Amino acid sequence: MKAEGTARRTIVEVPKPAKRMRRNQHFVLLGSCFAQYMGERFLAEGMDAVCNPLGAAYNPESIAIQVRQSLLSDAPLPVFHFDGKWRCWWANTLLSDTDEARFRTTIGDTFRLLGEALRHADYLIVTLGTNVCYRLKTDGMTVANCHKVPAREFEEVTLPLSVCIDTLSGMMELLRRECPRTQVVFTVSPYRYKKYGLHGSQLAKATLLLAVDELCKRFPETASYFPAYELLLDELRDYCYYADDMIHPGPNAVEHIWNRFKAGIDDAQTGP
């Protein structure tokens, strides 16, 4: 990082991805709500982007499960009925239906569409939010969303660094086999999880940052890092860039981070 001089701002250096991005390429964004914010910018720019079709997912295990299931379909979808609606443990609450057959068709189609998008993607952008996940006490399965099912049904698990690395490495190996042309850009959401305590939230972010750093070393040809977390905390570093809750990034922050990301996208259609 370097000082900007009279502007009194610390400028965060943005590493370049392994291959140049172009506007006419295909993008998939998965992960936390910050991925959703960024995906909306892609679409507003008229770019070809698929963003969180299964809803937001926050931890490495949930995201890796969504990627694996969409590409391999090697496990029955964990569909269940709660509070009058059919739901899936690997999807968001927005995907639900009162009719079981219709829901099974919808959720199956959504996973298949994500798989198709991944196979055609030039870039997969993965935004990690936390290393905390929730597992069903009945069988230990990691869920992407708790669907407001009583907390007593889950075990809250803090994934250690080694598990985060192994989980994401497995996802990268799968992508390398099934989607050989896809580059992966990792980001860490700047949203802080106050419910874990601010110190706990920082530990979670540190774990994710260390995991991503290791991933970029293991897969230097296909994995890179975009510093969304540092752009908010180090470059902007002012509460005027936060939403009213003083935890989520505000619209100006999202726009600033998007502009820094967009600067790395080449308008040219072809070239090296």
C-alpha atoms as a PDB file:
ATOM      1  CA  MET A   1       0.000   0.000   0.000  1.00  0.00           C
ATOM      2  CA  LYS A   2       1.144   3.587  -0.541  1.00  0.00           C
ATOM      3  CA  ALA A   3       0.120   7.005   0.660  1.00  0.00           C
ATOM      4  CA  GLU A   4      -1.707   9.182  -1.824  1.00  0.00           C
ATOM      5  CA  GLY A   5      -0.031  12.358  -0.593  1.00  0.00           C
ATOM      6  CA  THR A   6      -2.166  15.456  -0.218  1.00  0.00           C
ATOM      7  CA  ALA A   7      -5.378  13.412  -0.402  1.00  0.00           C
ATOM      8  CA  ARG A   8      -4.483  11.900   2.985  1.00  0.00           C
ATOM      9  CA  ARG A   9      -5.647   8.448   1.937  1.00  0.00           C
ATOM     10  CA  THR A  10      -3.931   5.082   1.952  1.00  0.00           C
ATOM     11  CA  ILE A  11      -4.194   3.545  -1.507  1.00  0.00           C
ATOM     12  CA  VAL A  12      -4.557  -0.222  -1.626  1.00  0.00           C
ATOM     13  CA  GLU A  13      -2.740  -1.889  -4.487  1.00  0.00           C
ATOM     14  CA  VAL A  14      -5.064  -4.204  -6.419  1.00  0.00           C
ATOM     15  CA  PRO A  15      -3.270  -7.316  -7.715  1.00  0.00           C
ATOM     16  CA  LYS A  16      -3.908  -8.227 -11.319  1.00  0.00           C
ATOM     17  CA  PRO A  17      -5.621 -11.562 -12.002  1.00  0.00           C
ATOM     18  CA  ALA A  18      -3.666 -14.309 -13.738  1.00  0.00           C
ATOM     19  CA  LYS A  19      -5.462 -13.472 -17.005  1.00  0.00           C
ATOM     20  CA  ARG A  20      -6.924 -10.185 -18.177  1.00  0.00           C
ATOM     21  CA  MET A  21     -10.665  -9.733 -17.755  1.00  0.00           C
ATOM     22  CA  ARG A  22     -12.762  -8.490 -20.653  1.00  0.00           C
ATOM     23  CA  ARG A  23     -16.242  -7.046 -20.727  1.00  0.00           C
ATOM     24  CA  ASN A  24     -17.532  -9.647 -23.165  1.00  0.00           C
ATOM     25  CA  GLN A  25     -16.566 -12.589 -20.959  1.00  0.00           C
ATOM     26  CA  HIS A  26     -18.848 -14.708 -18.774  1.00  0.00           C
ATOM     27  CA  PHE A  27     -18.882 -14.194 -14.996  1.00  0.00           C
ATOM     28  CA  VAL A  28     -20.346 -16.125 -12.069  1.00  0.00           C
ATOM     29  CA  LEU A  29     -20.449 -14.618  -8.583  1.00  0.00           C
ATOM     30  CA  LEU A  30     -21.024 -16.738  -5.484  1.00  0.00           C
ATOM     31  CA  GLY A  31     -20.827 -16.054  -1.779  1.00  0.00           C
ATOM     32  CA  SER A  32     -21.939 -13.492   0.736  1.00  0.00           C
ATOM     33  CA  CYS A  33     -24.321 -10.588   0.329  1.00  0.00           C
ATOM     34  CA  PHE A  34     -21.356  -8.524  -0.871  1.00  0.00           C
ATOM     35  CA  ALA A  35     -21.190 -10.806  -3.911  1.00  0.00           C
ATOM     36  CA  GLN A  36     -24.795  -9.785  -4.571  1.00  0.00           C
ATOM     37  CA  TYR A  37     -23.877  -6.099  -4.444  1.00  0.00           C
ATOM     38  CA  MET A  38     -21.062  -6.652  -6.914  1.00  0.00           C
ATOM     39  CA  GLY A  39     -23.227  -8.823  -9.151  1.00  0.00           C
ATOM     40  CA  GLU A  40     -25.761  -6.015  -9.449  1.00  0.00           C
ATOM     41  CA  ARG A  41     -22.973  -3.766 -10.735  1.00  0.00           C
ATOM     42  CA  PHE A  42     -22.004  -6.339 -13.374  1.00  0.00           C
ATOM     43  CA  LEU A  43     -25.595  -6.517 -14.592  1.00  0.00           C
ATOM     44  CA  ALA A  44     -26.026  -2.738 -14.526  1.00  0.00           C
ATOM     45  CA  GLU A  45     -22.991  -2.497 -16.816  1.00  0.00           C
ATOM     46  CA  GLY A  46     -24.663  -4.868 -19.257  1.00  0.00           C
ATOM     47  CA  MET A  47     -22.189  -7.675 -18.626  1.00  0.00           C
ATOM     48  CA  ASP A  48     -22.951 -11.391 -18.738  1.00  0.00           C
ATOM     49  CA  ALA A  49     -23.107 -12.376 -15.071  1.00  0.00           C
ATOM     50  CA  VAL A  50     -24.878 -14.989 -12.952  1.00  0.00           C
ATOM     51  CA  CYS A  51     -25.010 -14.024  -9.292  1.00  0.00           C
ATOM     52  CA  ASN A  52     -25.956 -16.252  -6.357  1.00  0.00           C
ATOM     53  CA  PRO A  53     -28.804 -18.145  -8.053  1.00  0.00           C
ATOM     54  CA  LEU A  54     -29.124 -20.259  -4.879  1.00  0.00           C
ATOM     55  CA  GLY A  55     -28.963 -17.228  -2.603  1.00  0.00           C
ATOM     56  CA  ALA A  56     -26.095 -15.978  -0.488  1.00  0.00           C
ATOM     57  CA  ALA A  57     -23.671 -18.409   1.145  1.00  0.00           C
ATOM     58  CA  TYR A  58     -21.054 -17.245   3.588  1.00  0.00           C
ATOM     59  CA  ASN A  59     -18.560 -19.928   4.590  1.00  0.00           C
ATOM     60  CA  PRO A  60     -16.154 -22.076   2.525  1.00  0.00           C
ATOM     61  CA  GLU A  61     -18.034 -25.342   3.102  1.00  0.00           C
ATOM     62  CA  SER A  62     -21.426 -23.999   1.965  1.00  0.00           C
ATOM     63  CA  ILE A  63     -19.967 -22.400  -1.162  1.00  0.00           C
ATOM     64  CA  ALA A  64     -17.964 -25.516  -2.039  1.00  0.00           C
ATOM     65  CA  ILE A  65     -21.084 -27.665  -1.620  1.00  0.00           C
ATOM     66  CA  GLN A  66     -23.031 -25.461  -4.029  1.00  0.00           C
ATOM     67  CA  VAL A  67     -20.240 -25.650  -6.613  1.00  0.00           C
ATOM     68  CA  ARG A  68     -19.844 -29.419  -6.295  1.00  0.00           C
ATOM     69  CA  GLN A  69     -23.556 -30.189  -6.458  1.00  0.00           C
ATOM     70  CA  SER A  70     -24.089 -27.916  -9.439  1.00  0.00           C
ATOM     71  CA  LEU A  71     -21.265 -29.587 -11.385  1.00  0.00           C
ATOM     72  CA  LEU A  72     -21.613 -33.236 -10.328  1.00  0.00           C
ATOM     73  CA  SER A  73     -25.140 -33.680  -8.911  1.00  0.00           C
ATOM     74  CA  ASP A  74     -23.638 -36.545  -6.909  1.00  0.00           C
ATOM     75  CA  ALA A  75     -25.892 -36.267  -3.849  1.00  0.00           C
ATOM     76  CA  PRO A  76     -29.666 -36.096  -3.321  1.00  0.00           C
ATOM     77  CA  LEU A  77     -30.780 -32.539  -2.743  1.00  0.00           C
ATOM     78  CA  PRO A  78     -31.626 -32.118   0.972  1.00  0.00           C
ATOM     79  CA  VAL A  79     -35.208 -30.926   0.582  1.00  0.00           C
ATOM     80  CA  PHE A  80     -37.338 -30.524   3.708  1.00  0.00           C
ATOM     81  CA  HIS A  81     -40.666 -29.052   4.830  1.00  0.00           C
ATOM     82  CA  PHE A  82     -40.827 -26.298   7.438  1.00  0.00           C
ATOM     83  CA  ASP A  83     -43.314 -23.564   8.326  1.00  0.00           C
ATOM     84  CA  GLY A  84     -45.657 -24.469   5.477  1.00  0.00           C
ATOM     85  CA  LYS A  85     -43.052 -24.478   2.692  1.00  0.00           C
ATOM     86  CA  TRP A  86     -40.608 -26.831   0.998  1.00  0.00           C
ATOM     87  CA  ARG A  87     -36.996 -25.722   1.200  1.00  0.00           C
ATOM     88  CA  CYS A  88     -33.433 -26.906   0.545  1.00  0.00           C
ATOM     89  CA  TRP A  89     -30.624 -26.827   3.086  1.00  0.00           C
ATOM     90  CA  TRP A  90     -28.158 -25.823   0.358  1.00  0.00           C
ATOM     91  CA  ALA A  91     -30.133 -22.799  -0.807  1.00  0.00           C
ATOM     92  CA  ASN A  92     -31.493 -19.526   0.519  1.00  0.00           C
ATOM     93  CA  THR A  93     -34.954 -18.957   1.980  1.00  0.00           C
ATOM     94  CA  LEU A  94     -35.964 -17.127  -1.216  1.00  0.00           C
ATOM     95  CA  LEU A  95     -36.114 -20.520  -2.906  1.00  0.00           C
ATOM     96  CA  SER A  96     -39.159 -22.171  -1.369  1.00  0.00           C
ATOM     97  CA  ASP A  97     -42.613 -23.353  -2.389  1.00  0.00           C
ATOM     98  CA  THR A  98     -45.787 -24.738  -0.872  1.00  0.00           C
ATOM     99  CA  ASP A  99     -45.849 -27.486  -3.519  1.00  0.00           C
ATOM    100  CA  GLU A 100     -43.207 -30.226  -3.121  1.00  0.00           C
ATOM    101  CA  ALA A 101     -43.056 -31.438  -6.723  1.00  0.00           C
ATOM    102  CA  ARG A 102     -42.846 -27.921  -8.091  1.00  0.00           C
ATOM    103  CA  PHE A 103     -40.136 -27.008  -5.606  1.00  0.00           C
ATOM    104  CA  ARG A 104     -38.039 -30.089  -6.401  1.00  0.00           C
ATOM    105  CA  THR A 105     -38.183 -29.141 -10.067  1.00  0.00           C
ATOM    106  CA  THR A 106     -37.255 -25.534  -9.334  1.00  0.00           C
ATOM    107  CA  ILE A 107     -34.326 -26.315  -7.053  1.00  0.00           C
ATOM    108  CA  GLY A 108     -33.008 -29.029  -9.366  1.00  0.00           C
ATOM    109  CA  ASP A 109     -33.190 -26.686 -12.352  1.00  0.00           C
ATOM    110  CA  THR A 110     -31.425 -23.937 -10.385  1.00  0.00           C
ATOM    111  CA  PHE A 111     -28.487 -26.202  -9.555  1.00  0.00           C
ATOM    112  CA  ARG A 112     -28.276 -27.348 -13.181  1.00  0.00           C
ATOM    113  CA  LEU A 113     -28.326 -23.764 -14.448  1.00  0.00           C
ATOM    114  CA  LEU A 114     -25.532 -22.845 -12.046  1.00  0.00           C
ATOM    115  CA  GLY A 115     -23.532 -25.813 -13.312  1.00  0.00           C
ATOM    116  CA  GLU A 116     -23.999 -24.681 -16.908  1.00  0.00           C
ATOM    117  CA  ALA A 117     -22.980 -21.133 -15.985  1.00  0.00           C
ATOM    118  CA  LEU A 118     -19.832 -22.397 -14.257  1.00  0.00           C
ATOM    119  CA  ARG A 119     -18.853 -24.530 -17.248  1.00  0.00           C
ATOM    120  CA  HIS A 120     -19.134 -21.494 -19.525  1.00  0.00           C
ATOM    121  CA  ALA A 121     -17.632 -18.999 -17.068  1.00  0.00           C
ATOM    122  CA  ASP A 122     -14.385 -17.214 -17.784  1.00  0.00           C
ATOM    123  CA  TYR A 123     -14.343 -16.007 -14.173  1.00  0.00           C
ATOM    124  CA  LEU A 124     -15.838 -17.256 -10.938  1.00  0.00           C
ATOM    125  CA  ILE A 125     -15.760 -14.594  -8.221  1.00  0.00           C
ATOM    126  CA  VAL A 126     -16.069 -16.103  -4.747  1.00  0.00           C
ATOM    127  CA  THR A 127     -16.772 -13.771  -1.826  1.00  0.00           C
ATOM    128  CA  LEU A 128     -16.147 -15.382   1.561  1.00  0.00           C
ATOM    129  CA  GLY A 129     -17.867 -13.899   4.585  1.00  0.00           C
ATOM    130  CA  THR A 130     -16.954 -16.010   7.604  1.00  0.00           C
ATOM    131  CA  ASN A 131     -15.385 -19.289   8.689  1.00  0.00           C
ATOM    132  CA  VAL A 132     -18.395 -20.067  10.907  1.00  0.00           C
ATOM    133  CA  CYS A 133     -20.798 -22.659   9.549  1.00  0.00           C
ATOM    134  CA  TYR A 134     -23.889 -24.449  10.840  1.00  0.00           C
ATOM    135  CA  ARG A 135     -24.353 -28.211  10.750  1.00  0.00           C
ATOM    136  CA  LEU A 136     -27.445 -30.258  11.405  1.00  0.00           C
ATOM    137  CA  LYS A 137     -27.151 -32.192  14.645  1.00  0.00           C
ATOM    138  CA  THR A 138     -28.993 -35.135  13.086  1.00  0.00           C
ATOM    139  CA  ASP A 139     -26.369 -35.978  10.453  1.00  0.00           C
ATOM    140  CA  GLY A 140     -23.638 -33.307  10.590  1.00  0.00           C
ATOM    141  CA  MET A 141     -24.520 -31.857   7.191  1.00  0.00           C
ATOM    142  CA  THR A 142     -23.405 -28.269   6.597  1.00  0.00           C
ATOM    143  CA  VAL A 143     -26.263 -25.982   5.586  1.00  0.00           C
ATOM    144  CA  ALA A 144     -26.118 -22.818   3.510  1.00  0.00           C
ATOM    145  CA  ASN A 145     -29.060 -21.291   5.366  1.00  0.00           C
ATOM    146  CA  CYS A 146     -30.844 -22.146   8.609  1.00  0.00           C
ATOM    147  CA  HIS A 147     -34.275 -21.088   7.261  1.00  0.00           C
ATOM    148  CA  LYS A 148     -35.254 -19.845  10.739  1.00  0.00           C
ATOM    149  CA  VAL A 149     -35.399 -23.430  11.994  1.00  0.00           C
ATOM    150  CA  PRO A 150     -34.841 -23.408  15.796  1.00  0.00           C
ATOM    151  CA  ALA A 151     -31.177 -23.015  16.760  1.00  0.00           C
ATOM    152  CA  ARG A 152     -31.293 -26.197  18.845  1.00  0.00           C
ATOM    153  CA  GLU A 153     -31.285 -28.177  15.588  1.00  0.00           C
ATOM    154  CA  PHE A 154     -27.801 -26.949  14.633  1.00  0.00           C
ATOM    155  CA  GLU A 155     -24.230 -27.051  15.811  1.00  0.00           C
ATOM    156  CA  GLU A 156     -22.282 -23.851  15.259  1.00  0.00           C
ATOM    157  CA  VAL A 157     -18.803 -24.756  14.027  1.00  0.00           C
ATOM    158  CA  THR A 158     -15.787 -22.494  13.560  1.00  0.00           C
ATOM    159  CA  LEU A 159     -13.771 -23.915  10.683  1.00  0.00           C
ATOM    160  CA  PRO A 160     -10.025 -23.920  11.389  1.00  0.00           C
ATOM    161  CA  LEU A 161      -7.591 -22.620   8.805  1.00  0.00           C
ATOM    162  CA  SER A 162      -6.610 -26.123   7.664  1.00  0.00           C
ATOM    163  CA  VAL A 163     -10.240 -27.049   6.920  1.00  0.00           C
ATOM    164  CA  CYS A 164     -10.853 -23.797   5.015  1.00  0.00           C
ATOM    165  CA  ILE A 165      -7.765 -24.453   2.892  1.00  0.00           C
ATOM    166  CA  ASP A 166      -8.635 -28.104   2.255  1.00  0.00           C
ATOM    167  CA  THR A 167     -12.260 -27.298   1.412  1.00  0.00           C
ATOM    168  CA  LEU A 168     -11.387 -24.533  -1.036  1.00  0.00           C
ATOM    169  CA  SER A 169      -8.522 -26.561  -2.526  1.00  0.00           C
ATOM    170  CA  GLY A 170     -10.992 -29.365  -3.224  1.00  0.00           C
ATOM    171  CA  MET A 171     -13.283 -26.882  -4.922  1.00  0.00           C
ATOM    172  CA  MET A 172     -10.395 -25.577  -7.030  1.00  0.00           C
ATOM    173  CA  GLU A 173      -9.385 -29.088  -8.082  1.00  0.00           C
ATOM    174  CA  LEU A 174     -12.978 -29.808  -9.110  1.00  0.00           C
ATOM    175  CA  LEU A 175     -13.148 -26.597 -11.122  1.00  0.00           C
ATOM    176  CA  ARG A 176      -9.844 -27.401 -12.777  1.00  0.00           C
ATOM    177  CA  ARG A 177     -11.246 -30.739 -13.943  1.00  0.00           C
ATOM    178  CA  GLU A 178     -14.782 -29.678 -14.860  1.00  0.00           C
ATOM    179  CA  CYS A 179     -14.258 -26.028 -15.868  1.00  0.00           C
ATOM    180  CA  PRO A 180     -10.644 -25.837 -17.100  1.00  0.00           C
ATOM    181  CA  ARG A 181     -10.952 -22.369 -18.585  1.00  0.00           C
ATOM    182  CA  THR A 182     -12.457 -20.747 -15.472  1.00  0.00           C
ATOM    183  CA  GLN A 183     -10.323 -18.340 -13.465  1.00  0.00           C
ATOM    184  CA  VAL A 184     -11.255 -17.867  -9.800  1.00  0.00           C
ATOM    185  CA  VAL A 185     -11.059 -14.497  -8.048  1.00  0.00           C
ATOM    186  CA  PHE A 186     -11.402 -14.696  -4.279  1.00  0.00           C
ATOM    187  CA  THR A 187     -12.579 -11.777  -2.176  1.00  0.00           C
ATOM    188  CA  VAL A 188     -13.332 -11.452   1.528  1.00  0.00           C
ATOM    189  CA  SER A 189     -16.466  -9.506   2.408  1.00  0.00           C
ATOM    190  CA  PRO A 190     -15.814  -6.279   4.337  1.00  0.00           C
ATOM    191  CA  TYR A 191     -19.014  -6.844   6.320  1.00  0.00           C
ATOM    192  CA  ARG A 192     -18.202  -7.507   9.985  1.00  0.00           C
ATOM    193  CA  TYR A 193     -20.161 -10.097  11.935  1.00  0.00           C
ATOM    194  CA  LYS A 194     -20.992  -8.275  15.145  1.00  0.00           C
ATOM    195  CA  LYS A 195     -22.919 -11.246  16.536  1.00  0.00           C
ATOM    196  CA  TYR A 196     -19.615 -13.143  16.895  1.00  0.00           C
ATOM    197  CA  GLY A 197     -18.040 -10.152  18.646  1.00  0.00           C
ATOM    198  CA  LEU A 198     -15.825  -7.751  16.725  1.00  0.00           C
ATOM    199  CA  HIS A 199     -12.687  -9.578  17.821  1.00  0.00           C
ATOM    200  CA  GLY A 200     -14.214 -12.878  16.753  1.00  0.00           C
ATOM    201  CA  SER A 201     -15.188 -11.337  13.427  1.00  0.00           C
ATOM    202  CA  GLN A 202     -11.624 -10.187  12.859  1.00  0.00           C
ATOM    203  CA  LEU A 203     -10.314 -13.659  13.640  1.00  0.00           C
ATOM    204  CA  ALA A 204     -12.737 -15.091  11.084  1.00  0.00           C
ATOM    205  CA  LYS A 205     -11.598 -12.606   8.446  1.00  0.00           C
ATOM    206  CA  ALA A 206      -7.953 -13.329   9.255  1.00  0.00           C
ATOM    207  CA  THR A 207      -8.585 -17.054   8.807  1.00  0.00           C
ATOM    208  CA  LEU A 208     -10.224 -16.459   5.432  1.00  0.00           C
ATOM    209  CA  LEU A 209      -7.436 -14.137   4.297  1.00  0.00           C
ATOM    210  CA  LEU A 210      -4.800 -16.701   5.215  1.00  0.00           C
ATOM    211  CA  ALA A 211      -6.753 -19.430   3.443  1.00  0.00           C
ATOM    212  CA  VAL A 212      -7.104 -17.377   0.264  1.00  0.00           C
ATOM    213  CA  ASP A 213      -3.420 -16.479   0.346  1.00  0.00           C
ATOM    214  CA  GLU A 214      -2.559 -20.184   0.457  1.00  0.00           C
ATOM    215  CA  LEU A 215      -5.017 -20.923  -2.371  1.00  0.00           C
ATOM    216  CA  CYS A 216      -3.360 -18.320  -4.576  1.00  0.00           C
ATOM    217  CA  LYS A 217       0.014 -19.947  -3.901  1.00  0.00           C
ATOM    218  CA  ARG A 218      -1.274 -23.457  -4.648  1.00  0.00           C
ATOM    219  CA  PHE A 219      -3.118 -22.426  -7.820  1.00  0.00           C
ATOM    220  CA  PRO A 220      -1.128 -19.479  -9.197  1.00  0.00           C
ATOM    221  CA  GLU A 221      -2.386 -19.993 -12.761  1.00  0.00           C
ATOM    222  CA  THR A 222      -6.085 -19.915 -11.890  1.00  0.00           C
ATOM    223  CA  ALA A 223      -6.584 -18.209  -8.504  1.00  0.00           C
ATOM    224  CA  SER A 224      -6.163 -14.553  -7.567  1.00  0.00           C
ATOM    225  CA  TYR A 225      -7.301 -12.177  -4.832  1.00  0.00           C
ATOM    226  CA  PHE A 226      -9.212  -8.910  -5.027  1.00  0.00           C
ATOM    227  CA  PRO A 227      -8.832  -6.832  -1.807  1.00  0.00           C
ATOM    228  CA  ALA A 228     -12.430  -5.702  -1.192  1.00  0.00           C
ATOM    229  CA  TYR A 229     -11.877  -6.076   2.559  1.00  0.00           C
ATOM    230  CA  GLU A 230      -8.786  -3.863   2.557  1.00  0.00           C
ATOM    231  CA  LEU A 231     -10.357  -1.282   0.258  1.00  0.00           C
ATOM    232  CA  LEU A 232     -13.068  -0.536   2.819  1.00  0.00           C
ATOM    233  CA  LEU A 233     -11.058  -0.885   6.009  1.00  0.00           C
ATOM    234  CA  ASP A 234      -7.770   0.650   4.825  1.00  0.00           C
ATOM    235  CA  GLU A 235      -8.418   2.836   1.783  1.00  0.00           C
ATOM    236  CA  LEU A 236     -11.774   4.351   2.730  1.00  0.00           C
ATOM    237  CA  ARG A 237     -11.486   3.996   6.512  1.00  0.00           C
ATOM    238  CA  ASP A 238     -14.349   6.305   7.431  1.00  0.00           C
ATOM    239  CA  TYR A 239     -17.815   5.644   8.861  1.00  0.00           C
ATOM    240  CA  CYS A 240     -19.360   7.831   6.161  1.00  0.00           C
ATOM    241  CA  TYR A 241     -18.819   4.834   3.858  1.00  0.00           C
ATOM    242  CA  TYR A 242     -20.951   2.537   6.020  1.00  0.00           C
ATOM    243  CA  ALA A 243     -24.683   1.908   6.046  1.00  0.00           C
ATOM    244  CA  ASP A 244     -26.827   3.135   8.939  1.00  0.00           C
ATOM    245  CA  ASP A 245     -25.989   0.009  10.981  1.00  0.00           C
ATOM    246  CA  MET A 246     -22.288   0.998  10.830  1.00  0.00           C
ATOM    247  CA  ILE A 247     -21.433  -2.601   9.884  1.00  0.00           C
ATOM    248  CA  HIS A 248     -22.516  -3.090   6.263  1.00  0.00           C
ATOM    249  CA  PRO A 249     -20.690  -1.126   3.549  1.00  0.00           C
ATOM    250  CA  GLY A 250     -22.844   1.722   2.276  1.00  0.00           C
ATOM    251  CA  PRO A 251     -23.689   2.477  -1.375  1.00  0.00           C
ATOM    252  CA  ASN A 252     -20.706   4.826  -1.792  1.00  0.00           C
ATOM    253  CA  ALA A 253     -18.331   2.145  -0.520  1.00  0.00           C
ATOM    254  CA  VAL A 254     -19.776  -0.495  -2.825  1.00  0.00           C
ATOM    255  CA  GLU A 255     -19.500   1.907  -5.743  1.00  0.00           C
ATOM    256  CA  HIS A 256     -15.886   2.731  -4.886  1.00  0.00           C
ATOM    257  CA  ILE A 257     -14.925  -0.944  -4.585  1.00  0.00           C
ATOM    258  CA  TRP A 258     -16.740  -1.726  -7.834  1.00  0.00           C
ATOM    259  CA  ASN A 259     -14.859   1.062  -9.627  1.00  0.00           C
ATOM    260  CA  ARG A 260     -11.544  -0.332  -8.392  1.00  0.00           C
ATOM    261  CA  PHE A 261     -12.591  -3.774  -9.628  1.00  0.00           C
ATOM    262  CA  LYS A 262     -13.892  -2.424 -12.942  1.00  0.00           C
ATOM    263  CA  ALA A 263     -10.551  -0.729 -13.573  1.00  0.00           C
ATOM    264  CA  GLY A 264      -9.105  -4.189 -14.138  1.00  0.00           C
ATOM    265  CA  ILE A 265     -11.665  -5.102 -16.819  1.00  0.00           C
ATOM    266  CA  ASP A 266     -10.479  -4.472 -20.364  1.00  0.00           C
ATOM    267  CA  ASP A 267     -13.007  -2.992 -22.781  1.00  0.00           C
ATOM    268  CA  ALA A 268     -11.220  -4.688 -25.693  1.00  0.00           C
ATOM    269  CA  GLN A 269     -12.941  -7.767 -27.084  1.00  0.00           C
ATOM    270  CA  THR A 270      -9.778  -9.636 -28.067  1.00  0.00           C
ATOM    271  CA  GLY A 271      -6.067  -9.525 -27.410  1.00  0.00           C
ATOM    272  CA  PRO A 272      -3.433 -11.044 -25.105  1.00  0.00           C
END
